[in-house]
């Protein structure tokens, strides 16, 4: 299991060896996980056996720059049996990063900025990672507002029906498309609203934008007198004949009240990260180093809110934060198959 630390701070790793009395012989090497570059050459300094005679050797050192590392301990025998390692992940906050997510995994764009939070807080404890607080506040308000404001997302999809039926315009020819692939008037794109169609590829060729148009915030229509295919050779890359892909951006930005609420909430998260006093209520778990990420009990949070005036006013303004119910069947696919999805920036 990996351990998380901030850069430039003291940390300790304890190794369990079957051999006692190796102080001065037991050594530690730190390498970067991505390319196995040696960051700290093998050293026996800073290693003690405690309690004495137990075979427990503790190394104390300073964390390197942000990145992923292996802290390798060895008993000097240079044999696999005498070597052990622990993963060390160094982040700016000392906690796991909360990346902006794709479809259903969190907002694609953060709701506020570090500068906005600093200006809004009127004082943040030294050493607190404001960026982490921004990520937490954005994720919380995204969930509590019903995942309506995902920000700027990008997706590439491959339209593919599970079952095909005979259409009024007949079948596509074999070799170019699978048998049973009928013509479609439009393609419904997941993610609302669709901001821009960046590229459409049909049979490996980029289609001219004049050949299609977007309507209703999600419906892609042909305007050149032709039709969309309902299926394709999904196992082939979209550079080949018989394939079809659409790359587009989508997602609504949070309103001004939501951005302001996120800045105020991030202030309280930053204070909670420092372990000091903050205005987060009991239905929010406080963030502590090497501890619990901020989480909210949504059932208790609404309609009562979080107890923060700006946050509660925003949530009341946008209405209940419950997601719309949906019925999903394995026998049908309303939206195209998502190949890639994530932040657009």
Protein backbone atom coordinates (compact mmCIF):
# COMPACT_ATOMS: atom_id res chain seq x y z
CA UNK A 1 0.00 0.00 0.00
CA UNK A 2 1.41 3.38 -1.00
CA UNK A 3 2.00 6.13 1.53
CA UNK A 4 1.46 9.81 0.72
CA UNK A 5 3.66 12.70 1.87
CA UNK A 6 4.32 16.33 1.03
CA UNK A 7 7.64 17.31 -0.61
CA UNK A 8 10.55 18.41 1.57
CA UNK A 9 9.26 17.01 4.87
CA UNK A 10 10.68 14.39 7.20
CA UNK A 11 9.27 10.89 6.84
CA UNK A 12 10.04 7.46 8.26
CA UNK A 13 9.79 3.94 6.88
CA UNK A 14 10.10 0.80 9.03
CA UNK A 15 11.29 -2.54 7.65
CA UNK A 16 10.90 -5.91 9.32
CA UNK A 17 13.99 -8.13 8.95
CA UNK A 18 14.60 -11.62 10.36
CA UNK A 19 18.17 -10.55 11.20
CA UNK A 20 19.04 -8.33 14.14
CA UNK A 21 22.13 -6.22 14.76
CA UNK A 22 22.39 -4.77 11.23
CA UNK A 23 22.63 -1.10 12.20
CA UNK A 24 25.31 0.35 9.94
CA UNK A 25 24.78 -2.48 7.44
CA UNK A 26 21.08 -2.17 6.61
CA UNK A 27 20.71 0.37 3.79
CA UNK A 28 18.03 2.33 1.94
CA UNK A 29 17.86 3.47 -1.70
CA UNK A 30 15.16 5.71 -3.17
CA UNK A 31 14.38 5.41 -6.89
CA UNK A 32 11.83 7.17 -9.08
CA UNK A 33 9.13 4.73 -10.18
CA UNK A 34 8.67 6.11 -13.71
CA UNK A 35 12.23 5.57 -14.96
CA UNK A 36 14.03 3.84 -12.03
CA UNK A 37 16.40 6.80 -11.68
CA UNK A 38 18.26 6.77 -8.36
CA UNK A 39 17.12 9.79 -6.33
CA UNK A 40 18.87 8.88 -3.06
CA UNK A 41 21.87 6.52 -3.43
CA UNK A 42 22.10 3.66 -0.97
CA UNK A 43 22.78 4.95 2.51
CA UNK A 44 23.05 3.46 5.98
CA UNK A 45 22.66 6.86 7.66
CA UNK A 46 19.46 7.65 9.50
CA UNK A 47 18.65 3.97 10.13
CA UNK A 48 18.16 2.60 13.63
CA UNK A 49 16.98 -0.73 15.01
CA UNK A 50 14.26 0.01 17.52
CA UNK A 51 13.52 -1.58 19.83
CA UNK A 52 16.97 -3.15 19.88
CA UNK A 53 17.07 -6.84 18.99
CA UNK A 54 13.69 -6.85 17.20
CA UNK A 55 14.86 -6.70 13.59
CA UNK A 56 12.72 -3.60 13.03
CA UNK A 57 14.81 -1.00 11.16
CA UNK A 58 13.46 2.53 10.78
CA UNK A 59 14.82 4.89 8.13
CA UNK A 60 14.22 8.63 8.52
CA UNK A 61 14.79 10.96 5.60
CA UNK A 62 13.41 13.92 3.64
CA UNK A 63 10.82 13.44 0.90
CA UNK A 64 11.89 14.32 -2.66
CA UNK A 65 9.93 16.40 -5.19
CA UNK A 66 6.36 15.61 -6.26
CA UNK A 67 6.27 12.18 -7.91
CA UNK A 68 6.10 8.42 -7.30
CA UNK A 69 9.02 6.57 -5.74
CA UNK A 70 10.15 3.25 -4.29
CA UNK A 71 11.99 3.32 -0.96
CA UNK A 72 14.05 0.11 -1.10
CA UNK A 73 15.56 -1.33 2.05
CA UNK A 74 18.17 -4.12 2.01
CA UNK A 75 20.15 -5.97 4.66
CA UNK A 76 23.41 -5.82 2.77
CA UNK A 77 23.26 -9.35 1.40
CA UNK A 78 22.10 -8.15 -2.07
CA UNK A 79 19.75 -11.13 -2.34
CA UNK A 80 16.02 -10.93 -3.08
CA UNK A 81 15.24 -12.38 0.34
CA UNK A 82 17.09 -9.51 1.98
CA UNK A 83 15.39 -6.72 0.04
CA UNK A 84 12.03 -5.03 0.60
CA UNK A 85 10.39 -1.87 -0.77
CA UNK A 86 7.62 0.57 0.02
CA UNK A 87 5.84 2.88 -2.45
CA UNK A 88 6.09 6.58 -1.66
CA UNK A 89 3.86 9.06 -3.50
CA UNK A 90 4.70 12.71 -2.95
CA UNK A 91 1.90 15.21 -3.69
CA UNK A 92 1.64 18.91 -2.99
CA UNK A 93 -0.96 18.26 -0.29
CA UNK A 94 0.42 15.05 1.16
CA UNK A 95 -2.92 13.47 0.30
CA UNK A 96 -4.14 11.59 -2.78
CA UNK A 97 -4.88 13.97 -5.64
CA UNK A 98 -8.51 14.34 -6.69
CA UNK A 99 -8.28 14.59 -10.48
CA UNK A 100 -11.09 16.15 -12.45
CA UNK A 101 -13.16 13.29 -13.74
CA UNK A 102 -14.90 12.21 -16.91
CA UNK A 103 -18.44 10.98 -17.36
CA UNK A 104 -19.94 10.40 -13.90
CA UNK A 105 -16.57 10.64 -12.13
CA UNK A 106 -16.56 14.28 -11.03
CA UNK A 107 -16.46 17.72 -12.64
CA UNK A 108 -14.23 18.13 -15.68
CA UNK A 109 -13.41 21.70 -14.65
CA UNK A 110 -12.80 23.07 -11.17
CA UNK A 111 -15.51 25.40 -9.88
CA UNK A 112 -13.13 28.02 -8.51
CA UNK A 113 -9.43 28.90 -8.43
CA UNK A 114 -6.71 29.15 -5.80
CA UNK A 115 -6.53 32.93 -6.29
CA UNK A 116 -10.29 33.28 -5.78
CA UNK A 117 -10.14 31.21 -2.59
CA UNK A 118 -7.19 33.15 -1.20
CA UNK A 119 -8.97 36.44 -1.89
CA UNK A 120 -12.21 35.15 -0.36
CA UNK A 121 -10.81 33.56 2.81
CA UNK A 122 -9.20 36.50 4.49
CA UNK A 123 -6.36 34.31 5.70
CA UNK A 124 -5.32 30.68 5.14
CA UNK A 125 -2.95 28.80 7.45
CA UNK A 126 0.61 28.55 6.15
CA UNK A 127 1.48 25.26 4.48
CA UNK A 128 -2.10 24.37 3.53
CA UNK A 129 -2.53 23.21 -0.07
CA UNK A 130 -5.27 25.48 -1.39
CA UNK A 131 -5.40 23.52 -4.66
CA UNK A 132 -6.52 20.40 -2.80
CA UNK A 133 -9.27 22.39 -1.05
CA UNK A 134 -10.45 23.68 -4.44
CA UNK A 135 -10.69 20.11 -5.77
CA UNK A 136 -12.68 18.92 -2.74
CA UNK A 137 -15.09 21.87 -2.81
CA UNK A 138 -15.66 21.44 -6.55
CA UNK A 139 -16.37 17.71 -6.19
CA UNK A 140 -18.78 18.24 -3.28
CA UNK A 141 -20.86 20.94 -4.97
CA UNK A 142 -20.89 18.98 -8.22
CA UNK A 143 -22.49 16.04 -6.41
CA UNK A 144 -24.84 18.09 -4.23
CA UNK A 145 -26.18 20.04 -7.22
CA UNK A 146 -27.11 16.83 -9.04
CA UNK A 147 -24.05 16.67 -11.33
CA UNK A 148 -25.53 19.40 -13.52
CA UNK A 149 -22.41 21.54 -13.88
CA UNK A 150 -19.60 19.33 -15.13
CA UNK A 151 -17.62 22.14 -16.77
CA UNK A 152 -15.68 21.66 -20.01
CA UNK A 153 -15.47 17.96 -20.95
CA UNK A 154 -14.30 16.15 -24.07
CA UNK A 155 -15.42 12.74 -25.34
CA UNK A 156 -14.80 10.49 -28.32
CA UNK A 157 -17.62 8.06 -29.07
CA UNK A 158 -18.23 5.20 -31.50
CA UNK A 159 -21.96 4.84 -32.41
CA UNK A 160 -22.86 1.16 -32.23
CA UNK A 161 -26.30 -0.42 -31.85
CA UNK A 162 -26.51 -3.76 -30.09
CA UNK A 163 -29.35 -5.02 -32.31
CA UNK A 164 -30.13 -3.86 -35.83
CA UNK A 165 -33.48 -3.86 -37.59
CA UNK A 166 -34.51 -3.31 -41.18
CA UNK A 167 -34.90 0.40 -41.87
CA UNK A 168 -36.85 2.18 -44.62
CA UNK A 169 -33.63 3.21 -46.34
CA UNK A 170 -32.26 -0.34 -46.60
CA UNK A 171 -28.99 -1.90 -45.53
CA UNK A 172 -25.44 -0.67 -45.84
CA UNK A 173 -23.35 -2.72 -48.21
CA UNK A 174 -21.31 -5.65 -46.89
CA UNK A 175 -17.59 -4.97 -46.62
CA UNK A 176 -18.21 -1.28 -45.97
CA UNK A 177 -20.43 -1.91 -42.95
CA UNK A 178 -21.56 -5.01 -41.06
CA UNK A 179 -24.73 -6.59 -42.46
CA UNK A 180 -27.82 -5.22 -40.73
CA UNK A 181 -26.38 -1.74 -40.24
CA UNK A 182 -29.24 0.64 -41.02
CA UNK A 183 -29.23 4.36 -41.76
CA UNK A 184 -30.02 6.89 -39.00
CA UNK A 185 -31.43 10.40 -39.20
CA UNK A 186 -29.41 11.57 -36.21
CA UNK A 187 -27.03 10.47 -33.47
CA UNK A 188 -27.84 11.34 -29.84
CA UNK A 189 -24.70 12.40 -27.96
CA UNK A 190 -24.27 11.84 -24.23
CA UNK A 191 -23.36 14.82 -22.07
CA UNK A 192 -25.49 17.96 -22.07
CA UNK A 193 -25.18 20.50 -23.47
CA UNK A 194 -22.84 19.61 -26.32
CA UNK A 195 -20.59 22.64 -26.80
CA UNK A 196 -18.78 21.86 -30.04
CA UNK A 197 -18.29 19.04 -32.54
CA UNK A 198 -14.53 18.88 -32.97
CA UNK A 199 -14.28 16.03 -35.47
CA UNK A 200 -16.38 13.39 -37.21
CA UNK A 201 -14.62 10.49 -38.91
CA UNK A 202 -16.44 8.19 -41.28
CA UNK A 203 -14.59 5.26 -42.89
CA UNK A 204 -11.34 6.73 -41.56
CA UNK A 205 -11.87 10.10 -43.27
CA UNK A 206 -12.57 13.37 -41.44
CA UNK A 207 -15.98 14.63 -42.55
CA UNK A 208 -16.30 18.28 -43.62
CA UNK A 209 -18.23 20.27 -40.95
CA UNK A 210 -20.64 21.47 -43.64
CA UNK A 211 -21.94 17.88 -43.88
CA UNK A 212 -23.54 17.92 -40.42
CA UNK A 213 -25.06 20.19 -37.80
CA UNK A 214 -25.81 20.10 -34.08
CA UNK A 215 -29.35 20.74 -32.85
CA UNK A 216 -31.09 20.61 -29.50
CA UNK A 217 -27.80 20.59 -27.63
CA UNK A 218 -27.16 16.90 -28.35
CA UNK A 219 -28.54 15.73 -31.73
CA UNK A 220 -26.07 15.42 -34.60
CA UNK A 221 -27.81 15.62 -38.01
CA UNK A 222 -26.49 15.08 -41.56
CA UNK A 223 -27.00 18.07 -43.86
CA UNK A 224 -25.45 16.72 -47.07
CA UNK A 225 -28.32 14.44 -48.04
CA UNK A 226 -26.73 11.29 -46.61
CA UNK A 227 -27.26 9.35 -43.36
CA UNK A 228 -25.38 8.10 -40.33
CA UNK A 229 -24.65 4.37 -39.99
CA UNK A 230 -26.08 2.69 -36.89
CA UNK A 231 -23.21 0.23 -36.46
CA UNK A 232 -19.60 -0.35 -37.42
CA UNK A 233 -16.59 -2.63 -37.05
CA UNK A 234 -15.95 -1.56 -33.49
CA UNK A 235 -12.83 -3.75 -33.18
CA UNK A 236 -11.03 -1.66 -35.83
CA UNK A 237 -9.39 1.73 -35.18
CA UNK A 238 -11.41 4.68 -36.48
CA UNK A 239 -8.86 5.22 -39.24
CA UNK A 240 -10.22 2.17 -41.14
CA UNK A 241 -13.10 1.51 -43.53
CA UNK A 242 -16.36 0.55 -41.85
CA UNK A 243 -15.77 2.74 -38.76
CA UNK A 244 -17.41 5.87 -37.37
CA UNK A 245 -16.32 8.17 -34.52
CA UNK A 246 -17.32 11.56 -33.11
CA UNK A 247 -15.13 13.79 -30.93
CA UNK A 248 -16.89 16.65 -29.15
CA UNK A 249 -16.91 18.83 -26.04
CA UNK A 250 -19.84 19.15 -23.65
CA UNK A 251 -20.90 20.26 -20.17
CA UNK A 252 -22.38 23.30 -18.43
CA UNK A 253 -20.29 25.70 -16.35
CA UNK A 254 -21.44 26.43 -12.78
CA UNK A 255 -23.24 29.77 -12.41
CA UNK A 256 -21.67 32.73 -10.64
CA UNK A 257 -23.41 31.79 -7.37
CA UNK A 258 -21.94 28.29 -7.62
CA UNK A 259 -18.42 29.57 -8.20
CA UNK A 260 -18.72 31.90 -5.21
CA UNK A 261 -20.09 29.06 -3.05
CA UNK A 262 -17.16 26.86 -4.09
CA UNK A 263 -14.66 29.53 -3.02
CA UNK A 264 -16.30 29.85 0.42
CA UNK A 265 -16.49 26.08 0.88
CA UNK A 266 -12.84 25.69 -0.17
CA UNK A 267 -11.89 28.19 2.55
CA UNK A 268 -13.42 25.95 5.21
CA UNK A 269 -11.88 22.81 3.71
CA UNK A 270 -8.45 24.49 3.81
CA UNK A 271 -8.93 25.31 7.49
CA UNK A 272 -10.08 21.76 8.18
CA UNK A 273 -6.96 20.40 6.43
CA UNK A 274 -4.88 22.37 8.93
CA UNK A 275 -6.81 20.85 11.83
CA UNK A 276 -8.00 24.24 13.04
CA UNK A 277 -11.45 25.70 13.61
CA UNK A 278 -13.75 25.81 10.60
CA UNK A 279 -17.43 26.24 9.81
CA UNK A 280 -18.01 22.79 8.33
CA UNK A 281 -20.99 21.15 10.09
CA UNK A 282 -21.23 17.66 11.57
CA UNK A 283 -22.56 16.11 8.37
CA UNK A 284 -19.21 16.77 6.68
CA UNK A 285 -16.16 14.67 7.54
CA UNK A 286 -13.16 16.88 8.21
CA UNK A 287 -9.98 16.52 6.18
CA UNK A 288 -6.82 15.71 8.13
CA UNK A 289 -3.37 14.79 6.92
CA UNK A 290 -3.09 11.07 6.18
CA UNK A 291 -6.72 10.89 7.19
CA UNK A 292 -10.26 11.04 5.84
CA UNK A 293 -11.11 12.98 2.71
CA UNK A 294 -13.91 15.52 3.03
CA UNK A 295 -17.20 13.71 2.42
CA UNK A 296 -20.81 14.71 2.88
CA UNK A 297 -23.91 12.81 3.94
CA UNK A 298 -26.20 14.10 1.18
CA UNK A 299 -29.31 12.78 2.94
CA UNK A 300 -28.60 15.07 5.89
CA UNK A 301 -27.18 17.94 3.86
CA UNK A 302 -30.39 18.69 1.97
CA UNK A 303 -32.70 20.45 2.44
CA UNK A 304 -30.87 21.66 5.55
CA UNK A 305 -27.71 22.37 3.56
CA UNK A 306 -24.15 22.48 4.87
CA UNK A 307 -24.61 25.35 7.28
CA UNK A 308 -22.59 27.75 5.10
CA UNK A 309 -24.71 30.69 3.96
CA UNK A 310 -23.30 31.03 0.43
CA UNK A 311 -23.36 27.27 -0.20
CA UNK A 312 -26.89 26.76 1.10
CA UNK A 313 -28.20 29.76 -0.89
CA UNK A 314 -26.74 28.29 -4.09
CA UNK A 315 -28.19 24.83 -3.44
CA UNK A 316 -31.63 26.28 -2.71
CA UNK A 317 -31.46 28.37 -5.88
CA UNK A 318 -30.68 25.44 -8.20
CA UNK A 319 -33.23 23.16 -6.55
CA UNK A 320 -32.96 19.57 -5.28
CA UNK A 321 -29.67 17.96 -6.13
CA UNK A 322 -31.03 14.54 -6.95
CA UNK A 323 -30.05 13.00 -10.26
CA UNK A 324 -32.84 12.14 -12.70
CA UNK A 325 -33.90 8.49 -12.64
CA UNK A 326 -32.94 6.38 -15.64
CA UNK A 327 -33.77 2.93 -16.97
CA UNK A 328 -30.87 1.01 -18.50
CA UNK A 329 -31.25 -2.17 -20.53
CA UNK A 330 -28.42 -4.38 -21.82
CA UNK A 331 -30.53 -4.98 -24.93
CA UNK A 332 -30.39 -1.39 -26.14
CA UNK A 333 -27.93 1.50 -26.30
CA UNK A 334 -29.42 4.99 -26.44
CA UNK A 335 -26.05 6.74 -26.64
CA UNK A 336 -22.90 5.88 -28.63
CA UNK A 337 -20.16 3.79 -27.03
CA UNK A 338 -17.76 6.10 -25.16
CA UNK A 339 -14.14 5.47 -26.16
CA UNK A 340 -12.48 8.31 -24.22
CA UNK A 341 -13.88 10.93 -21.85
CA UNK A 342 -12.35 13.51 -19.56
CA UNK A 343 -11.49 17.18 -19.08
CA UNK A 344 -11.25 19.24 -22.27
CA UNK A 345 -8.53 21.56 -20.96
